[in-house]
């Protein structure tokens, strides 16, 4: 179920976010959703804290047609 959420943000920040949204091809709503998902994903499966760089990558491929198998094939080809 999706629910509407109203955010109050500085006008300049909104302009920057919309520019970034257009460049990335991801809606502002999707960017906010991805960010909120990071809050819940602060630790990895081993219970260790993720570094800020790794956390920033979480959800980067969400909605793409790439799979883990695609990535494995890429790595195998890269290291031949």
C-alpha atoms as a PDB file:
ATOM      1  CA  UNK A   1       0.000   0.000   0.000  1.00  0.00           C
ATOM      2  CA  UNK A   2       1.324   3.447  -0.844  1.00  0.00           C
ATOM      3  CA  UNK A   3       0.450   6.524   1.168  1.00  0.00           C
ATOM      4  CA  UNK A   4       1.000  10.180   0.342  1.00  0.00           C
ATOM      5  CA  UNK A   5       3.567  12.039   2.463  1.00  0.00           C
ATOM      6  CA  UNK A   6       3.973  15.816   2.490  1.00  0.00           C
ATOM      7  CA  UNK A   7       7.453  17.235   3.076  1.00  0.00           C
ATOM      8  CA  UNK A   8       8.331  20.863   3.723  1.00  0.00           C
ATOM      9  CA  UNK A   9      11.738  21.688   2.236  1.00  0.00           C
ATOM     10  CA  UNK A  10      13.710  24.769   1.273  1.00  0.00           C
ATOM     11  CA  UNK A  11      12.910  25.942  -2.284  1.00  0.00           C
ATOM     12  CA  UNK A  12      16.550  25.755  -3.390  1.00  0.00           C
ATOM     13  CA  UNK A  13      16.878  22.215  -2.069  1.00  0.00           C
ATOM     14  CA  UNK A  14      13.750  21.212  -3.973  1.00  0.00           C
ATOM     15  CA  UNK A  15      15.229  22.641  -7.202  1.00  0.00           C
ATOM     16  CA  UNK A  16      18.460  20.689  -6.639  1.00  0.00           C
ATOM     17  CA  UNK A  17      16.589  17.482  -5.878  1.00  0.00           C
ATOM     18  CA  UNK A  18      14.434  17.836  -8.996  1.00  0.00           C
ATOM     19  CA  UNK A  19      17.552  18.417 -11.144  1.00  0.00           C
ATOM     20  CA  UNK A  20      19.165  15.325  -9.655  1.00  0.00           C
ATOM     21  CA  UNK A  21      15.952  13.387 -10.193  1.00  0.00           C
ATOM     22  CA  UNK A  22      15.871  14.331 -13.884  1.00  0.00           C
ATOM     23  CA  UNK A  23      19.536  13.375 -14.359  1.00  0.00           C
ATOM     24  CA  UNK A  24      19.192  10.049 -12.572  1.00  0.00           C
ATOM     25  CA  UNK A  25      15.862   9.110 -14.142  1.00  0.00           C
ATOM     26  CA  UNK A  26      14.505   8.355 -10.695  1.00  0.00           C
ATOM     27  CA  UNK A  27      11.465  10.139  -9.283  1.00  0.00           C
ATOM     28  CA  UNK A  28      11.802  12.283  -6.182  1.00  0.00           C
ATOM     29  CA  UNK A  29       9.406   9.907  -4.426  1.00  0.00           C
ATOM     30  CA  UNK A  30      11.641   6.941  -5.299  1.00  0.00           C
ATOM     31  CA  UNK A  31      14.737   8.780  -4.057  1.00  0.00           C
ATOM     32  CA  UNK A  32      13.014   9.554  -0.743  1.00  0.00           C
ATOM     33  CA  UNK A  33      11.825   5.950  -0.462  1.00  0.00           C
ATOM     34  CA  UNK A  34      15.345   4.664  -1.130  1.00  0.00           C
ATOM     35  CA  UNK A  35      16.762   7.003   1.507  1.00  0.00           C
ATOM     36  CA  UNK A  36      14.216   5.932   4.101  1.00  0.00           C
ATOM     37  CA  UNK A  37      15.002   2.295   3.317  1.00  0.00           C
ATOM     38  CA  UNK A  38      18.638   3.027   4.195  1.00  0.00           C
ATOM     39  CA  UNK A  39      17.604   3.983   7.712  1.00  0.00           C
ATOM     40  CA  UNK A  40      16.334   0.449   8.211  1.00  0.00           C
ATOM     41  CA  UNK A  41      19.319  -1.131   6.449  1.00  0.00           C
ATOM     42  CA  UNK A  42      22.051   0.267   8.678  1.00  0.00           C
ATOM     43  CA  UNK A  43      23.565  -3.142   9.362  1.00  0.00           C
ATOM     44  CA  UNK A  44      24.497  -5.984   7.084  1.00  0.00           C
ATOM     45  CA  UNK A  45      23.456  -9.624   7.468  1.00  0.00           C
ATOM     46  CA  UNK A  46      26.359 -10.250   9.895  1.00  0.00           C
ATOM     47  CA  UNK A  47      25.088  -7.558  12.222  1.00  0.00           C
ATOM     48  CA  UNK A  48      28.088  -5.304  11.532  1.00  0.00           C
ATOM     49  CA  UNK A  49      27.623  -1.609  10.843  1.00  0.00           C
ATOM     50  CA  UNK A  50      27.931  -0.706   7.161  1.00  0.00           C
ATOM     51  CA  UNK A  51      30.321   2.027   6.114  1.00  0.00           C
ATOM     52  CA  UNK A  52      28.783   5.267   4.791  1.00  0.00           C
ATOM     53  CA  UNK A  53      30.022   4.464   1.269  1.00  0.00           C
ATOM     54  CA  UNK A  54      28.411   1.015   1.275  1.00  0.00           C
ATOM     55  CA  UNK A  55      25.180   2.423   2.736  1.00  0.00           C
ATOM     56  CA  UNK A  56      25.103   5.014  -0.059  1.00  0.00           C
ATOM     57  CA  UNK A  57      25.077   2.197  -2.613  1.00  0.00           C
ATOM     58  CA  UNK A  58      22.115   0.370  -1.114  1.00  0.00           C
ATOM     59  CA  UNK A  59      19.200   0.454  -3.515  1.00  0.00           C
ATOM     60  CA  UNK A  60      21.315   1.887  -6.335  1.00  0.00           C
ATOM     61  CA  UNK A  61      20.094  -0.805  -8.719  1.00  0.00           C
ATOM     62  CA  UNK A  62      16.543  -0.994  -7.427  1.00  0.00           C
ATOM     63  CA  UNK A  63      14.149  -1.134 -10.336  1.00  0.00           C
ATOM     64  CA  UNK A  64      16.849  -2.104 -12.811  1.00  0.00           C
ATOM     65  CA  UNK A  65      16.719  -5.253 -14.857  1.00  0.00           C
ATOM     66  CA  UNK A  66      20.123  -6.387 -13.581  1.00  0.00           C
ATOM     67  CA  UNK A  67      20.360  -9.408 -11.346  1.00  0.00           C
ATOM     68  CA  UNK A  68      23.001 -10.819  -9.058  1.00  0.00           C
ATOM     69  CA  UNK A  69      23.763 -13.394 -11.765  1.00  0.00           C
ATOM     70  CA  UNK A  70      24.422 -10.556 -14.243  1.00  0.00           C
ATOM     71  CA  UNK A  71      26.926  -9.103 -11.803  1.00  0.00           C
ATOM     72  CA  UNK A  72      28.628 -12.473 -11.282  1.00  0.00           C
ATOM     73  CA  UNK A  73      28.977 -12.926 -15.057  1.00  0.00           C
ATOM     74  CA  UNK A  74      30.457  -9.435 -15.325  1.00  0.00           C
ATOM     75  CA  UNK A  75      33.046 -10.156 -12.607  1.00  0.00           C
ATOM     76  CA  UNK A  76      33.961 -13.520 -14.137  1.00  0.00           C
ATOM     77  CA  UNK A  77      34.462 -11.943 -17.566  1.00  0.00           C
ATOM     78  CA  UNK A  78      36.450  -9.059 -16.070  1.00  0.00           C
ATOM     79  CA  UNK A  79      38.925 -11.382 -14.330  1.00  0.00           C
ATOM     80  CA  UNK A  80      39.595 -13.826 -17.157  1.00  0.00           C
END
